[in-house]
Amino acid sequence: MSVGEYIKSAVYGGLDGIITTFSIALSGFGSDTKTGAIVSIGVSSLIADGLSMAIADYLATKSDEEYMLAEKARELQEIEDDLPA
């Protein structure tokens, strides 16, 4: 995988983590929860959600790449097998 793929996964995970954390923080403010608790929950949520989404995106991209390479090898083998001897 290229560096761009790693950056894509990090950005994708970060954006998902930020959106989820924003929702959690708003619900905490709406329920009059102490600020320290909201910040603590928000930071842990940001880290967990961001890592989760980034890892999932990385694995999906890696699996897709491996599948495409296997399909290419299979197709090349079929072409080779179909050529007249």
PDB file of N, CA and C in Angstrom:
ATOM      1  N   MET A   1       0.841  -1.186   0.000  1.00  0.00           N
ATOM      2  CA  MET A   1       0.000   0.000   0.000  1.00  0.00           C
ATOM      3  C   MET A   1       0.880   1.241   0.000  1.00  0.00           C
ATOM      4  N   SER A   2       0.386   2.265  -0.661  1.00  0.00           N
ATOM      5  CA  SER A   2       1.135   3.514  -0.732  1.00  0.00           C
ATOM      6  C   SER A   2       0.870   4.361   0.514  1.00  0.00           C
ATOM      7  N   VAL A   3       1.686   5.370   0.685  1.00  0.00           N
ATOM      8  CA  VAL A   3       1.523   6.294   1.820  1.00  0.00           C
ATOM      9  C   VAL A   3       0.154   6.960   1.757  1.00  0.00           C
ATOM     10  N   GLY A   4      -0.303   7.251   0.536  1.00  0.00           N
ATOM     11  CA  GLY A   4      -1.616   7.873   0.374  1.00  0.00           C
ATOM     12  C   GLY A   4      -2.744   7.036   0.942  1.00  0.00           C
ATOM     13  N   GLU A   5      -2.623   5.711   0.835  1.00  0.00           N
ATOM     14  CA  GLU A   5      -3.658   4.832   1.392  1.00  0.00           C
ATOM     15  C   GLU A   5      -3.689   4.914   2.914  1.00  0.00           C
ATOM     16  N   TYR A   6      -2.508   5.012   3.545  1.00  0.00           N
ATOM     17  CA  TYR A   6      -2.453   5.149   4.997  1.00  0.00           C
ATOM     18  C   TYR A   6      -3.062   6.481   5.429  1.00  0.00           C
ATOM     19  N   ILE A   7      -2.756   7.523   4.693  1.00  0.00           N
ATOM     20  CA  ILE A   7      -3.309   8.842   5.012  1.00  0.00           C
ATOM     21  C   ILE A   7      -4.821   8.825   4.836  1.00  0.00           C
ATOM     22  N   LYS A   8      -5.298   8.186   3.757  1.00  0.00           N
ATOM     23  CA  LYS A   8      -6.739   8.085   3.519  1.00  0.00           C
ATOM     24  C   LYS A   8      -7.426   7.398   4.694  1.00  0.00           C
ATOM     25  N   SER A   9      -6.846   6.308   5.179  1.00  0.00           N
ATOM     26  CA  SER A   9      -7.433   5.581   6.305  1.00  0.00           C
ATOM     27  C   SER A   9      -7.454   6.434   7.565  1.00  0.00           C
ATOM     28  N   ALA A  10      -6.369   7.169   7.806  1.00  0.00           N
ATOM     29  CA  ALA A  10      -6.302   8.021   8.994  1.00  0.00           C
ATOM     30  C   ALA A  10      -7.324   9.150   8.929  1.00  0.00           C
ATOM     31  N   VAL A  11      -7.448   9.782   7.774  1.00  0.00           N
ATOM     32  CA  VAL A  11      -8.415  10.878   7.619  1.00  0.00           C
ATOM     33  C   VAL A  11      -9.836  10.348   7.743  1.00  0.00           C
ATOM     34  N   TYR A  12     -10.102   9.225   7.096  1.00  0.00           N
ATOM     35  CA  TYR A  12     -11.431   8.617   7.147  1.00  0.00           C
ATOM     36  C   TYR A  12     -11.807   8.277   8.589  1.00  0.00           C
ATOM     37  N   GLY A  13     -10.878   7.655   9.307  1.00  0.00           N
ATOM     38  CA  GLY A  13     -11.133   7.311  10.708  1.00  0.00           C
ATOM     39  C   GLY A  13     -11.289   8.538  11.571  1.00  0.00           C
ATOM     40  N   GLY A  14     -10.455   9.547  11.343  1.00  0.00           N
ATOM     41  CA  GLY A  14     -10.540  10.778  12.127  1.00  0.00           C
ATOM     42  C   GLY A  14     -11.857  11.498  11.940  1.00  0.00           C
ATOM     43  N   LEU A  15     -12.314  11.592  10.708  1.00  0.00           N
ATOM     44  CA  LEU A  15     -13.589  12.263  10.444  1.00  0.00           C
ATOM     45  C   LEU A  15     -14.748  11.530  11.105  1.00  0.00           C
ATOM     46  N   ASP A  16     -14.739  10.212  11.022  1.00  0.00           N
ATOM     47  CA  ASP A  16     -15.797   9.447  11.673  1.00  0.00           C
ATOM     48  C   ASP A  16     -15.740   9.634  13.190  1.00  0.00           C
ATOM     49  N   GLY A  17     -14.542   9.606  13.743  1.00  0.00           N
ATOM     50  CA  GLY A  17     -14.393   9.788  15.186  1.00  0.00           C
ATOM     51  C   GLY A  17     -14.853  11.157  15.650  1.00  0.00           C
ATOM     52  N   ILE A  18     -14.569  12.177  14.873  1.00  0.00           N
ATOM     53  CA  ILE A  18     -14.970  13.533  15.250  1.00  0.00           C
ATOM     54  C   ILE A  18     -16.488  13.676  15.265  1.00  0.00           C
ATOM     55  N   ILE A  19     -17.143  13.126  14.265  1.00  0.00           N
ATOM     56  CA  ILE A  19     -18.605  13.240  14.180  1.00  0.00           C
ATOM     57  C   ILE A  19     -19.268  12.525  15.350  1.00  0.00           C
ATOM     58  N   THR A  20     -18.809  11.320  15.649  1.00  0.00           N
ATOM     59  CA  THR A  20     -19.384  10.567  16.764  1.00  0.00           C
ATOM     60  C   THR A  20     -19.112  11.275  18.088  1.00  0.00           C
ATOM     61  N   THR A  21     -17.910  11.770  18.263  1.00  0.00           N
ATOM     62  CA  THR A  21     -17.548  12.472  19.498  1.00  0.00           C
ATOM     63  C   THR A  21     -18.383  13.733  19.679  1.00  0.00           C
ATOM     64  N   PHE A  22     -18.622  14.455  18.607  1.00  0.00           N
ATOM     65  CA  PHE A  22     -19.461  15.656  18.666  1.00  0.00           C
ATOM     66  C   PHE A  22     -20.865  15.293  19.162  1.00  0.00           C
ATOM     67  N   SER A  23     -21.402  14.198  18.665  1.00  0.00           N
ATOM     68  CA  SER A  23     -22.737  13.758  19.098  1.00  0.00           C
ATOM     69  C   SER A  23     -22.751  13.396  20.573  1.00  0.00           C
ATOM     70  N   ILE A  24     -21.723  12.704  21.028  1.00  0.00           N
ATOM     71  CA  ILE A  24     -21.638  12.326  22.443  1.00  0.00           C
ATOM     72  C   ILE A  24     -21.498  13.568  23.325  1.00  0.00           C
ATOM     73  N   ALA A  25     -20.667  14.514  22.896  1.00  0.00           N
ATOM     74  CA  ALA A  25     -20.475  15.738  23.673  1.00  0.00           C
ATOM     75  C   ALA A  25     -21.771  16.532  23.766  1.00  0.00           C
ATOM     76  N   LEU A  26     -22.502  16.626  22.676  1.00  0.00           N
ATOM     77  CA  LEU A  26     -23.782  17.348  22.711  1.00  0.00           C
ATOM     78  C   LEU A  26     -24.773  16.694  23.653  1.00  0.00           C
ATOM     79  N   SER A  27     -24.818  15.362  23.654  1.00  0.00           N
ATOM     80  CA  SER A  27     -25.750  14.691  24.570  1.00  0.00           C
ATOM     81  C   SER A  27     -25.326  14.918  26.018  1.00  0.00           C
ATOM     82  N   GLY A  28     -24.013  14.987  26.265  1.00  0.00           N
ATOM     83  CA  GLY A  28     -23.539  15.269  27.629  1.00  0.00           C
ATOM     84  C   GLY A  28     -23.898  16.669  28.068  1.00  0.00           C
ATOM     85  N   PHE A  29     -23.742  17.651  27.184  1.00  0.00           N
ATOM     86  CA  PHE A  29     -24.111  19.021  27.524  1.00  0.00           C
ATOM     87  C   PHE A  29     -25.610  19.139  27.757  1.00  0.00           C
ATOM     88  N   GLY A  30     -26.384  18.403  26.990  1.00  0.00           N
ATOM     89  CA  GLY A  30     -27.835  18.457  27.139  1.00  0.00           C
ATOM     90  C   GLY A  30     -28.324  17.843  28.434  1.00  0.00           C
ATOM     91  N   SER A  31     -27.533  16.961  29.023  1.00  0.00           N
ATOM     92  CA  SER A  31     -27.959  16.297  30.256  1.00  0.00           C
ATOM     93  C   SER A  31     -27.305  16.891  31.504  1.00  0.00           C
ATOM     94  N   ASP A  32     -26.686  18.048  31.359  1.00  0.00           N
ATOM     95  CA  ASP A  32     -26.034  18.736  32.476  1.00  0.00           C
ATOM     96  C   ASP A  32     -24.952  17.897  33.165  1.00  0.00           C
ATOM     97  N   THR A  33     -24.236  17.104  32.395  1.00  0.00           N
ATOM     98  CA  THR A  33     -23.123  16.329  32.922  1.00  0.00           C
ATOM     99  C   THR A  33     -21.942  17.272  33.156  1.00  0.00           C
ATOM    100  N   LYS A  34     -21.111  16.953  34.147  1.00  0.00           N
ATOM    101  CA  LYS A  34     -19.951  17.801  34.449  1.00  0.00           C
ATOM    102  C   LYS A  34     -19.024  17.868  33.249  1.00  0.00           C
ATOM    103  N   THR A  35     -18.398  19.020  33.071  1.00  0.00           N
ATOM    104  CA  THR A  35     -17.533  19.276  31.914  1.00  0.00           C
ATOM    105  C   THR A  35     -16.382  18.285  31.841  1.00  0.00           C
ATOM    106  N   GLY A  36     -15.775  17.967  32.970  1.00  0.00           N
ATOM    107  CA  GLY A  36     -14.657  17.015  32.991  1.00  0.00           C
ATOM    108  C   GLY A  36     -15.067  15.650  32.469  1.00  0.00           C
ATOM    109  N   ALA A  37     -16.252  15.218  32.841  1.00  0.00           N
ATOM    110  CA  ALA A  37     -16.742  13.913  32.381  1.00  0.00           C
ATOM    111  C   ALA A  37     -17.012  13.945  30.885  1.00  0.00           C
ATOM    112  N   ILE A  38     -17.563  15.052  30.383  1.00  0.00           N
ATOM    113  CA  ILE A  38     -17.849  15.181  28.956  1.00  0.00           C
ATOM    114  C   ILE A  38     -16.543  15.144  28.149  1.00  0.00           C
ATOM    115  N   VAL A  39     -15.535  15.863  28.638  1.00  0.00           N
ATOM    116  CA  VAL A  39     -14.241  15.889  27.944  1.00  0.00           C
ATOM    117  C   VAL A  39     -13.609  14.500  27.957  1.00  0.00           C
ATOM    118  N   SER A  40     -13.650  13.835  29.098  1.00  0.00           N
ATOM    119  CA  SER A  40     -13.075  12.495  29.217  1.00  0.00           C
ATOM    120  C   SER A  40     -13.766  11.506  28.281  1.00  0.00           C
ATOM    121  N   ILE A  41     -15.075  11.514  28.273  1.00  0.00           N
ATOM    122  CA  ILE A  41     -15.841  10.634  27.386  1.00  0.00           C
ATOM    123  C   ILE A  41     -15.577  10.995  25.928  1.00  0.00           C
ATOM    124  N   GLY A  42     -15.521  12.282  25.638  1.00  0.00           N
ATOM    125  CA  GLY A  42     -15.283  12.728  24.268  1.00  0.00           C
ATOM    126  C   GLY A  42     -13.923  12.304  23.735  1.00  0.00           C
ATOM    127  N   VAL A  43     -12.889  12.466  24.541  1.00  0.00           N
ATOM    128  CA  VAL A  43     -11.535  12.096  24.105  1.00  0.00           C
ATOM    129  C   VAL A  43     -11.426  10.588  23.906  1.00  0.00           C
ATOM    130  N   SER A  44     -11.947   9.819  24.853  1.00  0.00           N
ATOM    131  CA  SER A  44     -11.870   8.362  24.700  1.00  0.00           C
ATOM    132  C   SER A  44     -12.691   7.891  23.504  1.00  0.00           C
ATOM    133  N   SER A  45     -13.815   8.524  23.269  1.00  0.00           N
ATOM    134  CA  SER A  45     -14.644   8.180  22.111  1.00  0.00           C
ATOM    135  C   SER A  45     -13.942   8.534  20.810  1.00  0.00           C
ATOM    136  N   LEU A  46     -13.308   9.688  20.776  1.00  0.00           N
ATOM    137  CA  LEU A  46     -12.578  10.120  19.575  1.00  0.00           C
ATOM    138  C   LEU A  46     -11.473   9.131  19.223  1.00  0.00           C
ATOM    139  N   ILE A  47     -10.715   8.729  20.219  1.00  0.00           N
ATOM    140  CA  ILE A  47      -9.612   7.791  19.981  1.00  0.00           C
ATOM    141  C   ILE A  47     -10.156   6.432  19.542  1.00  0.00           C
ATOM    142  N   ALA A  48     -11.132   5.908  20.263  1.00  0.00           N
ATOM    143  CA  ALA A  48     -11.665   4.584  19.938  1.00  0.00           C
ATOM    144  C   ALA A  48     -12.345   4.565  18.575  1.00  0.00           C
ATOM    145  N   ASP A  49     -13.184   5.541  18.300  1.00  0.00           N
ATOM    146  CA  ASP A  49     -13.888   5.580  17.013  1.00  0.00           C
ATOM    147  C   ASP A  49     -12.935   5.817  15.852  1.00  0.00           C
ATOM    148  N   GLY A  50     -12.000   6.718  16.040  1.00  0.00           N
ATOM    149  CA  GLY A  50     -11.036   7.008  14.979  1.00  0.00           C
ATOM    150  C   GLY A  50     -10.186   5.799  14.647  1.00  0.00           C
ATOM    151  N   LEU A  51      -9.662   5.140  15.669  1.00  0.00           N
ATOM    152  CA  LEU A  51      -8.851   3.944  15.435  1.00  0.00           C
ATOM    153  C   LEU A  51      -9.673   2.828  14.807  1.00  0.00           C
ATOM    154  N   SER A  52     -10.870   2.642  15.301  1.00  0.00           N
ATOM    155  CA  SER A  52     -11.729   1.585  14.771  1.00  0.00           C
ATOM    156  C   SER A  52     -12.016   1.782  13.287  1.00  0.00           C
ATOM    157  N   MET A  53     -12.387   2.978  12.913  1.00  0.00           N
ATOM    158  CA  MET A  53     -12.719   3.243  11.512  1.00  0.00           C
ATOM    159  C   MET A  53     -11.477   3.201  10.637  1.00  0.00           C
ATOM    160  N   ALA A  54     -10.375   3.730  11.128  1.00  0.00           N
ATOM    161  CA  ALA A  54      -9.136   3.713  10.344  1.00  0.00           C
ATOM    162  C   ALA A  54      -8.660   2.284  10.102  1.00  0.00           C
ATOM    163  N   ILE A  55      -8.720   1.446  11.120  1.00  0.00           N
ATOM    164  CA  ILE A  55      -8.308   0.051  10.969  1.00  0.00           C
ATOM    165  C   ILE A  55      -9.241  -0.685  10.022  1.00  0.00           C
ATOM    166  N   ALA A  56     -10.531  -0.453  10.160  1.00  0.00           N
ATOM    167  CA  ALA A  56     -11.493  -1.105   9.264  1.00  0.00           C
ATOM    168  C   ALA A  56     -11.272  -0.682   7.817  1.00  0.00           C
ATOM    169  N   ASP A  57     -11.026   0.594   7.582  1.00  0.00           N
ATOM    170  CA  ASP A  57     -10.776   1.077   6.220  1.00  0.00           C
ATOM    171  C   ASP A  57      -9.481   0.493   5.673  1.00  0.00           C
ATOM    172  N   TYR A  58      -8.445   0.437   6.492  1.00  0.00           N
ATOM    173  CA  TYR A  58      -7.164  -0.133   6.065  1.00  0.00           C
ATOM    174  C   TYR A  58      -7.336  -1.600   5.670  1.00  0.00           C
ATOM    175  N   LEU A  59      -8.017  -2.366   6.519  1.00  0.00           N
ATOM    176  CA  LEU A  59      -8.206  -3.783   6.225  1.00  0.00           C
ATOM    177  C   LEU A  59      -9.071  -4.005   4.989  1.00  0.00           C
ATOM    178  N   ALA A  60     -10.086  -3.189   4.810  1.00  0.00           N
ATOM    179  CA  ALA A  60     -10.936  -3.313   3.626  1.00  0.00           C
ATOM    180  C   ALA A  60     -10.150  -2.995   2.360  1.00  0.00           C
ATOM    181  N   THR A  61      -9.336  -1.961   2.408  1.00  0.00           N
ATOM    182  CA  THR A  61      -8.517  -1.584   1.249  1.00  0.00           C
ATOM    183  C   THR A  61      -7.492  -2.668   0.942  1.00  0.00           C
ATOM    184  N   LYS A  62      -6.854  -3.195   1.977  1.00  0.00           N
ATOM    185  CA  LYS A  62      -5.858  -4.249   1.795  1.00  0.00           C
ATOM    186  C   LYS A  62      -6.514  -5.510   1.224  1.00  0.00           C
ATOM    187  N   SER A  63      -7.665  -5.883   1.748  1.00  0.00           N
ATOM    188  CA  SER A  63      -8.365  -7.063   1.249  1.00  0.00           C
ATOM    189  C   SER A  63      -8.782  -6.887  -0.201  1.00  0.00           C
ATOM    190  N   ASP A  64      -9.251  -5.710  -0.542  1.00  0.00           N
ATOM    191  CA  ASP A  64      -9.655  -5.426  -1.922  1.00  0.00           C
ATOM    192  C   ASP A  64      -8.462  -5.538  -2.859  1.00  0.00           C
ATOM    193  N   GLU A  65      -7.332  -4.999  -2.436  1.00  0.00           N
ATOM    194  CA  GLU A  65      -6.118  -5.064  -3.255  1.00  0.00           C
ATOM    195  C   GLU A  65      -5.667  -6.517  -3.448  1.00  0.00           C
ATOM    196  N   GLU A  66      -5.701  -7.302  -2.377  1.00  0.00           N
ATOM    197  CA  GLU A  66      -5.315  -8.709  -2.474  1.00  0.00           C
ATOM    198  C   GLU A  66      -6.268  -9.473  -3.394  1.00  0.00           C
ATOM    199  N   TYR A  67      -7.551  -9.185  -3.295  1.00  0.00           N
ATOM    200  CA  TYR A  67      -8.536  -9.845  -4.155  1.00  0.00           C
ATOM    201  C   TYR A  67      -8.283  -9.506  -5.621  1.00  0.00           C
ATOM    202  N   MET A  68      -8.022  -8.241  -5.901  1.00  0.00           N
ATOM    203  CA  MET A  68      -7.765  -7.830  -7.285  1.00  0.00           C
ATOM    204  C   MET A  68      -6.517  -8.497  -7.843  1.00  0.00           C
ATOM    205  N   LEU A  69      -5.469  -8.604  -7.041  1.00  0.00           N
ATOM    206  CA  LEU A  69      -4.254  -9.271  -7.500  1.00  0.00           C
ATOM    207  C   LEU A  69      -4.503 -10.756  -7.762  1.00  0.00           C
ATOM    208  N   ALA A  70      -5.279 -11.399  -6.900  1.00  0.00           N
ATOM    209  CA  ALA A  70      -5.603 -12.818  -7.103  1.00  0.00           C
ATOM    210  C   ALA A  70      -6.445 -13.003  -8.364  1.00  0.00           C
ATOM    211  N   GLU A  71      -7.395 -12.113  -8.607  1.00  0.00           N
ATOM    212  CA  GLU A  71      -8.220 -12.188  -9.819  1.00  0.00           C
ATOM    213  C   GLU A  71      -7.380 -11.975 -11.067  1.00  0.00           C
ATOM    214  N   LYS A  72      -6.441 -11.049 -10.991  1.00  0.00           N
ATOM    215  CA  LYS A  72      -5.564 -10.801 -12.138  1.00  0.00           C
ATOM    216  C   LYS A  72      -4.728 -12.041 -12.436  1.00  0.00           C
ATOM    217  N   ALA A  73      -4.179 -12.659 -11.405  1.00  0.00           N
ATOM    218  CA  ALA A  73      -3.387 -13.874 -11.595  1.00  0.00           C
ATOM    219  C   ALA A  73      -4.237 -14.999 -12.175  1.00  0.00           C
ATOM    220  N   ARG A  74      -5.468 -15.125 -11.696  1.00  0.00           N
ATOM    221  CA  ARG A  74      -6.369 -16.162 -12.210  1.00  0.00           C
ATOM    222  C   ARG A  74      -6.686 -15.923 -13.676  1.00  0.00           C
ATOM    223  N   GLU A  75      -6.969 -14.676 -14.022  1.00  0.00           N
ATOM    224  CA  GLU A  75      -7.280 -14.344 -15.421  1.00  0.00           C
ATOM    225  C   GLU A  75      -6.079 -14.590 -16.332  1.00  0.00           C
ATOM    226  N   LEU A  76      -4.899 -14.214 -15.888  1.00  0.00           N
ATOM    227  CA  LEU A  76      -3.696 -14.456 -16.684  1.00  0.00           C
ATOM    228  C   LEU A  76      -3.465 -15.955 -16.886  1.00  0.00           C
ATOM    229  N   GLN A  77      -3.735 -16.738 -15.835  1.00  0.00           N
ATOM    230  CA  GLN A  77      -3.594 -18.181 -15.948  1.00  0.00           C
ATOM    231  C   GLN A  77      -4.611 -18.749 -16.950  1.00  0.00           C
ATOM    232  N   GLU A  78      -5.831 -18.254 -16.914  1.00  0.00           N
ATOM    233  CA  GLU A  78      -6.851 -18.717 -17.856  1.00  0.00           C
ATOM    234  C   GLU A  78      -6.483 -18.354 -19.296  1.00  0.00           C
ATOM    235  N   ILE A  79      -5.947 -17.163 -19.481  1.00  0.00           N
ATOM    236  CA  ILE A  79      -5.511 -16.761 -20.832  1.00  0.00           C
ATOM    237  C   ILE A  79      -4.399 -17.682 -21.314  1.00  0.00           C
ATOM    238  N   GLU A  80      -3.440 -17.953 -20.423  1.00  0.00           N
ATOM    239  CA  GLU A  80      -2.329 -18.831 -20.767  1.00  0.00           C
ATOM    240  C   GLU A  80      -2.821 -20.251 -21.099  1.00  0.00           C
ATOM    241  N   ASP A  81      -3.786 -20.734 -20.328  1.00  0.00           N
ATOM    242  CA  ASP A  81      -4.319 -22.082 -20.544  1.00  0.00           C
ATOM    243  C   ASP A  81      -5.088 -22.170 -21.870  1.00  0.00           C
ATOM    244  N   ASP A  82      -5.701 -21.070 -22.300  1.00  0.00           N
ATOM    245  CA  ASP A  82      -6.512 -21.071 -23.517  1.00  0.00           C
ATOM    246  C   ASP A  82      -5.697 -20.862 -24.780  1.00  0.00           C
ATOM    247  N   LEU A  83      -4.441 -20.451 -24.663  1.00  0.00           N
ATOM    248  CA  LEU A  83      -3.607 -20.239 -25.849  1.00  0.00           C
ATOM    249  C   LEU A  83      -3.286 -21.592 -26.510  1.00  0.00           C
ATOM    250  N   PRO A  84      -3.308 -21.598 -27.830  1.00  0.00           N
ATOM    251  CA  PRO A  84      -2.978 -22.875 -28.504  1.00  0.00           C
ATOM    252  C   PRO A  84      -1.510 -23.244 -28.257  1.00  0.00           C
ATOM    253  N   ALA A  85      -1.295 -24.518 -28.123  1.00  0.00           N
ATOM    254  CA  ALA A  85       0.073 -25.001 -27.850  1.00  0.00           C
ATOM    255  C   ALA A  85       0.917 -25.109 -29.086  1.00  0.00           C
TER     256      ALA A  85
END
